[in-house]
Amino acid sequence: MEICNKENCTGCSACVNICPKTAISLRENEKGFLYPEIDKKKCVECGLCSKVCHINNDIQLNKVSSKYLFKNNDFSMRKSSSSGGSYMPMAQVVIKNGGTVFGAEFSDNLMVKHNYYKDLENIRKFCTSKYVQSDIGNTYKIVYELLKGHEKVLFSGSPCQVAGLKSYLSMVKCPTDDLITVDFICHGVGSPKFWNDCLGFYSKKFGSKAVSANFRGKPRPGKLQNLTISFSNGKKFQAPSANMEVFFYHFLQNCILRESCFYCKYSKTERVSDITMGDCFRAEAKFLYLQDGYGLSQLMANTEKGQEFIESIREYGDLVQVDVNNYIQPNLLNPTSKPQRYNTFWDEYLSKGFNGALRVSNYSSFKNRAKHIVLCVAYYLRLDSSIKKIARIISKH
């Protein structure tokens, strides 16, 4: 029995959470992505797994009603968060009302999983972007139990994870008045297997086990997507450039994304959640005063509930309303494109391993190694921002 077309499966876990016989579990495939596996001995063929699958259903999408820019007043929070630090104020509002917050965090082995907390200190773990697919686990069931008890819930995840939650809650006939859903403008989700091999790559290089990671290190103004990894021997890796660091290089080349990301039905301006978060890299001239190089959020209100909730965080920072059409990003129009060498990359990866795949992607080419050295020197001499400005000027002419 196939729950849905495997090519389109997002690994959202709705089928696992709905199964009354616990006959479904998620198993890693050869690329490290989770897919449902049915235990035929337990399965009673009730069909709930297929019915709950958001790929098989038309989940209601909402038209964006308004868009905002947000910059958290707490600089330390903004520096340690993604974008403008908008997520923590949302969590603070929910916690003040006795609610529970769900999001993605790093596990002890630096893989990514969904979890939930009722205290702000632990919720900080959710505040940075994770570019690796998160394991939902049984959190949909927990959301259901909390909502059934009329508790406020804030759930954040990728659009397909929010779609999975909404489909699950609809199937179990759960009221959602106390639920706020938040997704993000999604480029796609990276392979946990590749990420784990990246950790091994850097651990070998630094001679120690990786103990913490932050995809948004923000080492200084304008450097918003610099991977930082800390090791047990006290050493730290700080990527000088996003697109020349081994993980982000392959992520931005689309080589390590899940197959379903190339056919995503949520990469559009109509949204599945109440609120959509994203980066604002370049604000309009009249709002440039908000940009200090440490991140600025854009927030899309997709429902009336979402708009009211966004307004409730106004006390935590600068919140300004902007024209929806002036901040459209590529993944609000179309899914990420599948690269021509995607299959070749993974064939090489599975046959010759991590280092073999780096040759196929050209990451380890002489040209890229030379470019990486130049970028490292420019970064440490603090010339990288000037080089970018010159490049932009040249490109305009």
Protein backbone atom coordinates (compact mmCIF):
# COMPACT_ATOMS: atom_id res chain seq x y z
CA MET A 1 0.00 0.00 0.00
CA GLU A 2 1.35 3.40 -1.00
CA ILE A 3 0.15 6.34 1.12
CA CYS A 4 1.03 8.85 -1.59
CA ASN A 5 3.37 9.19 -4.54
CA LYS A 6 6.83 8.78 -2.97
CA GLU A 7 8.25 11.56 -5.14
CA ASN A 8 5.79 14.00 -3.54
CA CYS A 9 5.98 12.71 0.05
CA THR A 10 7.23 15.45 2.37
CA GLY A 11 7.77 13.25 5.44
CA CYS A 12 5.36 15.39 7.47
CA SER A 13 4.39 12.47 9.81
CA ALA A 14 0.62 13.02 9.63
CA CYS A 15 0.20 9.38 8.63
CA VAL A 16 2.29 8.22 11.61
CA ASN A 17 0.31 10.36 14.05
CA ILE A 18 -3.11 9.29 12.72
CA CYS A 19 -2.55 5.53 12.59
CA PRO A 20 -4.74 3.87 15.28
CA LYS A 21 -2.60 0.71 15.30
CA THR A 22 0.85 2.39 15.35
CA ALA A 23 1.56 0.44 12.19
CA ILE A 24 3.48 3.27 10.51
CA SER A 25 6.96 4.49 11.32
CA LEU A 26 9.32 6.80 9.51
CA ARG A 27 12.53 5.31 8.14
CA GLU A 28 15.54 7.02 6.62
CA ASN A 29 16.13 6.42 2.95
CA GLU A 30 19.59 6.34 1.40
CA LYS A 31 19.70 10.17 1.34
CA GLY A 32 18.79 10.47 5.01
CA PHE A 33 15.22 11.69 4.47
CA LEU A 34 12.34 10.14 6.41
CA TYR A 35 9.62 8.19 4.61
CA PRO A 36 6.69 6.20 6.04
CA GLU A 37 6.99 2.44 6.32
CA ILE A 38 3.94 0.30 7.05
CA ASP A 39 4.10 -2.80 9.24
CA LYS A 40 1.75 -5.11 7.32
CA LYS A 41 1.25 -7.31 10.38
CA LYS A 42 -0.25 -4.40 12.33
CA CYS A 43 -2.05 -2.65 9.46
CA VAL A 44 -5.83 -3.14 9.29
CA GLU A 45 -6.13 -1.20 6.00
CA CYS A 46 -8.41 1.47 7.46
CA GLY A 47 -7.06 3.98 4.92
CA LEU A 48 -6.67 6.84 7.42
CA CYS A 49 -3.02 7.33 6.44
CA SER A 50 -3.94 8.00 2.83
CA LYS A 51 -6.90 10.19 3.80
CA VAL A 52 -4.85 12.39 6.16
CA CYS A 53 -1.98 12.89 3.71
CA HIS A 54 -1.91 16.55 2.66
CA ILE A 55 -0.49 15.53 -0.73
CA ASN A 56 -3.76 13.73 -1.45
CA ASN A 57 -5.90 16.64 -0.24
CA ASP A 58 -6.47 20.27 -1.14
CA ILE A 59 -5.50 22.05 2.05
CA GLN A 60 -7.08 25.49 2.38
CA LEU A 61 -4.66 28.25 1.45
CA ASN A 62 -5.02 31.84 2.58
CA LYS A 63 -4.44 35.00 0.63
CA VAL A 64 -1.96 37.38 2.26
CA SER A 65 -3.92 40.27 3.77
CA SER A 66 -0.97 42.42 4.89
CA LYS A 67 2.80 42.39 5.27
CA TYR A 68 5.09 43.87 7.91
CA LEU A 69 8.76 44.45 8.63
CA PHE A 70 9.87 43.73 12.18
CA LYS A 71 13.07 44.43 14.10
CA ASN A 72 13.38 43.19 17.67
CA ASN A 73 14.35 45.90 20.21
CA ASP A 74 16.42 43.34 22.13
CA PHE A 75 19.71 43.39 20.19
CA SER A 76 21.13 40.29 21.88
CA MET A 77 17.99 38.35 20.97
CA ARG A 78 18.07 39.58 17.38
CA LYS A 79 21.76 38.73 16.98
CA SER A 80 21.21 35.19 18.23
CA SER A 81 18.05 34.70 16.13
CA SER A 82 17.31 34.49 12.44
CA SER A 83 16.21 37.58 10.49
CA GLY A 84 14.92 40.35 12.77
CA GLY A 85 14.20 38.15 15.78
CA SER A 86 10.41 38.04 15.35
CA TYR A 87 9.87 34.52 16.63
CA MET A 88 10.67 35.08 20.31
CA PRO A 89 8.10 37.90 20.73
CA MET A 90 5.45 35.59 19.27
CA ALA A 91 6.47 32.94 21.77
CA GLN A 92 6.41 35.49 24.60
CA VAL A 93 2.81 36.42 23.80
CA VAL A 94 1.75 32.76 23.86
CA ILE A 95 3.66 31.97 27.05
CA LYS A 96 2.12 34.99 28.80
CA ASN A 97 -1.27 33.46 28.03
CA GLY A 98 -0.30 30.11 29.53
CA GLY A 99 0.29 28.47 26.16
CA THR A 100 2.79 26.07 24.60
CA VAL A 101 5.23 26.70 21.76
CA PHE A 102 6.32 24.12 19.17
CA GLY A 103 9.35 24.46 16.93
CA ALA A 104 12.51 22.86 15.56
CA GLU A 105 15.66 22.42 17.66
CA PHE A 106 18.99 20.63 17.45
CA SER A 107 19.12 17.31 19.27
CA ASP A 108 22.19 16.16 21.23
CA ASN A 109 23.79 14.81 18.04
CA LEU A 110 22.93 18.06 16.18
CA MET A 111 20.20 16.52 14.08
CA VAL A 112 16.96 18.52 13.87
CA LYS A 113 13.70 17.54 15.56
CA HIS A 114 10.45 19.19 16.61
CA ASN A 115 9.80 19.74 20.29
CA TYR A 116 7.64 21.89 22.57
CA TYR A 117 8.20 24.04 25.65
CA LYS A 118 6.31 26.29 28.02
CA ASP A 119 9.31 28.37 29.14
CA LEU A 120 11.18 31.08 27.23
CA GLU A 121 14.67 29.82 28.02
CA ASN A 122 14.12 26.53 26.19
CA ILE A 123 12.16 28.22 23.42
CA ARG A 124 15.37 30.05 22.47
CA LYS A 125 16.41 26.74 20.87
CA PHE A 126 13.75 27.33 18.19
CA CYS A 127 14.89 30.83 17.28
CA THR A 128 17.48 30.09 14.60
CA SER A 129 16.85 28.73 11.13
CA LYS A 130 17.64 25.06 10.56
CA TYR A 131 18.29 24.14 6.94
CA VAL A 132 17.90 20.42 7.61
CA GLN A 133 14.56 18.61 7.60
CA SER A 134 13.09 18.29 11.08
CA ASP A 135 11.66 15.06 12.50
CA ILE A 136 8.08 15.88 13.63
CA GLY A 137 7.78 12.83 15.87
CA ASN A 138 4.44 12.67 17.71
CA THR A 139 4.03 16.43 18.13
CA TYR A 140 0.78 16.55 16.12
CA LYS A 141 -0.82 14.33 18.76
CA ILE A 142 0.47 16.58 21.52
CA VAL A 143 -0.92 19.68 19.76
CA TYR A 144 -4.28 17.90 19.60
CA GLU A 145 -4.29 17.13 23.33
CA LEU A 146 -3.42 20.73 24.24
CA LEU A 147 -6.04 22.24 21.94
CA LYS A 148 -8.63 19.82 23.27
CA GLY A 149 -7.86 21.27 26.72
CA HIS A 150 -8.35 24.82 25.34
CA GLU A 151 -4.69 25.75 25.69
CA LYS A 152 -3.05 28.32 23.41
CA VAL A 153 -0.59 26.75 20.97
CA LEU A 154 1.98 28.31 18.65
CA PHE A 155 3.24 25.84 16.05
CA SER A 156 6.04 26.72 13.63
CA GLY A 157 7.41 24.61 10.82
CA SER A 158 7.89 24.34 7.09
CA PRO A 159 4.73 24.88 5.00
CA CYS A 160 4.35 21.13 4.41
CA GLN A 161 4.65 20.44 8.15
CA VAL A 162 1.93 23.01 8.88
CA ALA A 163 -0.20 21.42 6.14
CA GLY A 164 0.32 18.02 7.74
CA LEU A 165 -0.74 19.36 11.13
CA LYS A 166 -3.86 21.04 9.74
CA SER A 167 -4.87 17.91 7.86
CA TYR A 168 -4.35 15.80 10.98
CA LEU A 169 -6.37 18.14 13.21
CA SER A 170 -9.16 18.23 10.65
CA MET A 171 -9.25 14.44 10.52
CA VAL A 172 -9.53 14.12 14.31
CA LYS A 173 -12.13 16.94 14.36
CA CYS A 174 -10.11 19.16 16.67
CA PRO A 175 -11.11 22.83 17.14
CA THR A 176 -8.28 25.19 16.18
CA ASP A 177 -9.44 28.53 17.63
CA ASP A 178 -6.51 28.49 20.08
CA LEU A 179 -3.93 27.54 17.45
CA ILE A 180 -1.55 29.93 15.68
CA THR A 181 0.44 28.40 12.82
CA VAL A 182 3.64 29.95 11.50
CA ASP A 183 5.57 28.83 8.44
CA PHE A 184 8.49 30.40 6.57
CA ILE A 185 9.43 31.20 3.00
CA CYS A 186 11.00 27.86 2.21
CA HIS A 187 13.78 27.19 -0.30
CA GLY A 188 13.61 23.48 0.53
CA VAL A 189 14.84 21.15 3.28
CA GLY A 190 18.37 19.77 3.36
CA SER A 191 19.42 16.16 3.78
CA PRO A 192 20.06 15.09 7.41
CA LYS A 193 22.58 12.53 6.11
CA PHE A 194 24.56 15.16 4.23
CA TRP A 195 24.46 17.46 7.25
CA ASN A 196 25.74 14.65 9.48
CA ASP A 197 28.61 14.04 7.05
CA CYS A 198 29.37 17.79 7.07
CA LEU A 199 29.65 17.63 10.85
CA GLY A 200 32.07 14.72 10.44
CA PHE A 201 34.01 16.70 7.83
CA TYR A 202 34.47 19.65 10.18
CA SER A 203 35.06 17.50 13.26
CA LYS A 204 37.94 15.77 11.46
CA LYS A 205 39.31 19.14 10.37
CA PHE A 206 39.23 20.57 13.91
CA GLY A 207 40.17 17.33 15.65
CA SER A 208 37.17 17.33 17.95
CA LYS A 209 33.47 16.51 18.15
CA ALA A 210 30.97 19.19 17.12
CA VAL A 211 28.84 20.17 20.12
CA SER A 212 26.77 23.09 18.81
CA ALA A 213 25.83 24.68 15.50
CA ASN A 214 24.16 27.82 14.25
CA PHE A 215 23.35 28.28 10.56
CA ARG A 216 22.95 32.02 11.18
CA GLY A 217 26.10 32.93 13.09
CA LYS A 218 25.93 36.70 12.35
CA PRO A 219 29.61 37.34 13.12
CA ARG A 220 29.32 41.00 12.13
CA PRO A 221 26.98 43.40 10.28
CA GLY A 222 25.85 42.15 6.89
CA LYS A 223 26.95 38.56 7.56
CA LEU A 224 23.59 36.91 8.14
CA GLN A 225 24.05 33.36 6.89
CA ASN A 226 27.42 32.23 8.18
CA LEU A 227 27.53 28.74 9.64
CA THR A 228 29.14 28.54 13.09
CA ILE A 229 30.14 25.24 14.70
CA SER A 230 31.66 24.86 18.17
CA PHE A 231 33.74 21.83 19.14
CA SER A 232 34.35 20.03 22.43
CA ASN A 233 38.03 21.10 22.45
CA GLY A 234 36.97 24.76 22.58
CA LYS A 235 37.69 25.51 18.92
CA LYS A 236 35.15 27.22 16.71
CA PHE A 237 34.54 27.25 12.97
CA GLN A 238 33.07 30.43 11.51
CA ALA A 239 32.30 30.25 7.78
CA PRO A 240 33.66 33.36 6.03
CA SER A 241 31.08 33.06 3.28
CA ALA A 242 27.68 31.38 3.00
CA ASN A 243 27.91 30.11 -0.56
CA MET A 244 31.45 28.72 -0.24
CA GLU A 245 30.91 26.73 2.97
CA VAL A 246 30.42 23.02 2.24
CA PHE A 247 26.84 22.64 3.53
CA PHE A 248 25.41 25.91 2.21
CA TYR A 249 27.23 25.49 -1.10
CA HIS A 250 25.29 22.30 -1.79
CA PHE A 251 22.08 23.60 -0.23
CA LEU A 252 22.06 26.69 -2.45
CA GLN A 253 22.99 24.57 -5.48
CA ASN A 254 19.85 22.53 -4.63
CA CYS A 255 21.85 19.28 -4.68
CA ILE A 256 20.84 18.11 -1.19
CA LEU A 257 17.15 19.05 -1.10
CA ARG A 258 14.35 16.54 -0.64
CA GLU A 259 12.80 15.38 -3.92
CA SER A 260 9.36 16.71 -2.97
CA CYS A 261 10.74 20.25 -2.59
CA PHE A 262 10.99 20.54 -6.38
CA TYR A 263 7.23 19.95 -6.67
CA CYS A 264 6.10 21.88 -3.58
CA LYS A 265 2.50 23.06 -3.82
CA TYR A 266 3.00 25.64 -1.09
CA SER A 267 5.59 27.78 -2.90
CA LYS A 268 3.12 30.51 -3.74
CA THR A 269 1.76 33.75 -2.35
CA GLU A 270 -1.31 31.95 -1.00
CA ARG A 271 -0.20 30.44 2.30
CA VAL A 272 -1.15 27.45 4.41
CA SER A 273 -0.44 29.14 7.77
CA ASP A 274 -1.70 32.12 9.75
CA ILE A 275 1.69 33.85 9.53
CA THR A 276 4.65 33.48 7.19
CA MET A 277 8.13 34.58 8.28
CA GLY A 278 11.06 35.50 6.08
CA ASP A 279 14.15 37.63 5.77
CA CYS A 280 14.06 41.16 4.49
CA PHE A 281 17.46 41.63 2.87
CA ARG A 282 16.71 44.98 1.25
CA ALA A 283 14.05 47.31 2.58
CA GLU A 284 12.55 50.19 0.65
CA ALA A 285 14.38 53.50 0.97
CA LYS A 286 11.92 54.86 3.54
CA PHE A 287 12.52 51.87 5.80
CA LEU A 288 16.31 51.66 5.47
CA TYR A 289 16.62 53.06 9.00
CA LEU A 290 15.52 49.63 10.24
CA GLN A 291 18.52 47.85 8.72
CA ASP A 292 21.70 47.80 10.78
CA GLY A 293 23.18 44.64 9.26
CA TYR A 294 21.97 42.24 11.96
CA GLY A 295 18.71 41.15 10.40
CA LEU A 296 15.22 42.33 9.60
CA SER A 297 12.10 40.15 9.41
CA GLN A 298 9.24 40.28 7.01
CA LEU A 299 5.96 38.93 8.35
CA MET A 300 3.00 38.02 6.18
CA ALA A 301 -0.43 38.02 7.80
CA ASN A 302 -2.40 35.33 5.98
CA THR A 303 -5.52 35.25 8.16
CA GLU A 304 -7.35 37.66 10.40
CA LYS A 305 -6.08 35.68 13.39
CA GLY A 306 -2.55 36.03 12.03
CA GLN A 307 -2.88 39.77 11.61
CA GLU A 308 -4.15 40.24 15.16
CA PHE A 309 -1.30 38.12 16.46
CA ILE A 310 1.35 40.11 14.58
CA GLU A 311 -0.08 43.33 16.01
CA SER A 312 0.33 41.85 19.50
CA ILE A 313 4.14 41.83 19.20
CA ARG A 314 4.36 45.55 18.43
CA GLU A 315 5.58 46.29 21.97
CA TYR A 316 8.70 44.16 21.40
CA GLY A 317 10.18 46.09 18.50
CA ASP A 318 9.77 48.19 15.39
CA LEU A 319 6.77 46.96 13.39
CA VAL A 320 5.86 48.72 10.15
CA GLN A 321 3.31 47.76 7.51
CA VAL A 322 4.55 47.57 3.93
CA ASP A 323 3.21 46.89 0.45
CA VAL A 324 2.84 43.12 -0.04
CA ASN A 325 4.04 43.30 -3.64
CA ASN A 326 7.35 44.98 -2.79
CA TYR A 327 8.73 42.00 -0.91
CA ILE A 328 8.06 38.98 -3.11
CA GLN A 329 10.77 36.32 -2.96
CA PRO A 330 11.28 33.56 -5.57
CA ASN A 331 9.85 30.79 -3.37
CA LEU A 332 6.62 32.77 -3.01
CA LEU A 333 6.12 32.25 -6.74
CA ASN A 334 7.58 28.85 -7.63
CA PRO A 335 9.24 25.83 -6.05
CA THR A 336 13.02 25.58 -6.18
CA SER A 337 14.26 24.12 -9.48
CA LYS A 338 15.79 20.66 -9.55
CA PRO A 339 19.38 20.88 -10.82
CA GLN A 340 20.41 18.79 -13.80
CA ARG A 341 23.15 17.08 -11.81
CA TYR A 342 20.89 16.17 -8.85
CA ASN A 343 20.71 12.45 -9.66
CA THR A 344 24.38 12.32 -10.69
CA PHE A 345 25.36 13.96 -7.41
CA TRP A 346 23.45 11.42 -5.34
CA ASP A 347 24.62 8.46 -7.44
CA GLU A 348 28.20 9.54 -6.78
CA TYR A 349 27.44 10.21 -3.12
CA LEU A 350 25.97 6.76 -2.58
CA SER A 351 28.65 4.92 -4.53
CA LYS A 352 31.80 6.89 -3.61
CA GLY A 353 30.76 8.72 -0.47
CA PHE A 354 30.88 12.32 0.70
CA ASN A 355 34.23 13.27 -0.84
CA GLY A 356 33.31 11.74 -4.19
CA ALA A 357 30.13 13.80 -4.30
CA LEU A 358 32.09 17.00 -3.64
CA ARG A 359 33.95 16.41 -6.89
CA VAL A 360 30.71 16.03 -8.84
CA SER A 361 29.35 19.28 -7.41
CA ASN A 362 32.66 21.06 -8.20
CA TYR A 363 33.00 22.10 -4.58
CA SER A 364 36.51 20.64 -4.44
CA SER A 365 37.57 21.99 -7.84
CA PHE A 366 40.74 24.08 -8.11
CA LYS A 367 38.67 27.15 -9.04
CA ASN A 368 36.46 26.84 -5.95
CA ARG A 369 39.39 26.14 -3.64
CA ALA A 370 41.11 29.28 -4.91
CA LYS A 371 37.90 31.29 -4.52
CA HIS A 372 37.50 29.98 -0.98
CA ILE A 373 41.03 31.09 -0.06
CA VAL A 374 40.38 34.58 -1.46
CA LEU A 375 37.09 34.84 0.45
CA CYS A 376 38.77 33.70 3.68
CA VAL A 377 41.48 36.33 3.32
CA ALA A 378 38.90 39.02 2.45
CA TYR A 379 36.78 38.01 5.45
CA TYR A 380 39.60 38.13 7.98
CA LEU A 381 40.87 41.44 6.55
CA ARG A 382 37.29 42.74 6.60
CA LEU A 383 37.34 43.46 2.88
CA ASP A 384 34.44 41.19 1.94
CA SER A 385 31.73 43.88 2.21
CA SER A 386 33.72 46.24 -0.01
CA ILE A 387 34.26 43.50 -2.61
CA LYS A 388 30.50 42.80 -2.68
CA LYS A 389 29.71 46.49 -3.21
CA ILE A 390 32.19 46.71 -6.08
CA ALA A 391 30.74 43.54 -7.65
CA ARG A 392 27.22 44.98 -7.46
CA ILE A 393 28.35 48.21 -9.12
CA ILE A 394 30.10 46.28 -11.90
CA SER A 395 27.04 44.05 -12.47
CA LYS A 396 24.83 47.13 -12.95
CA HIS A 397 27.06 48.33 -15.74
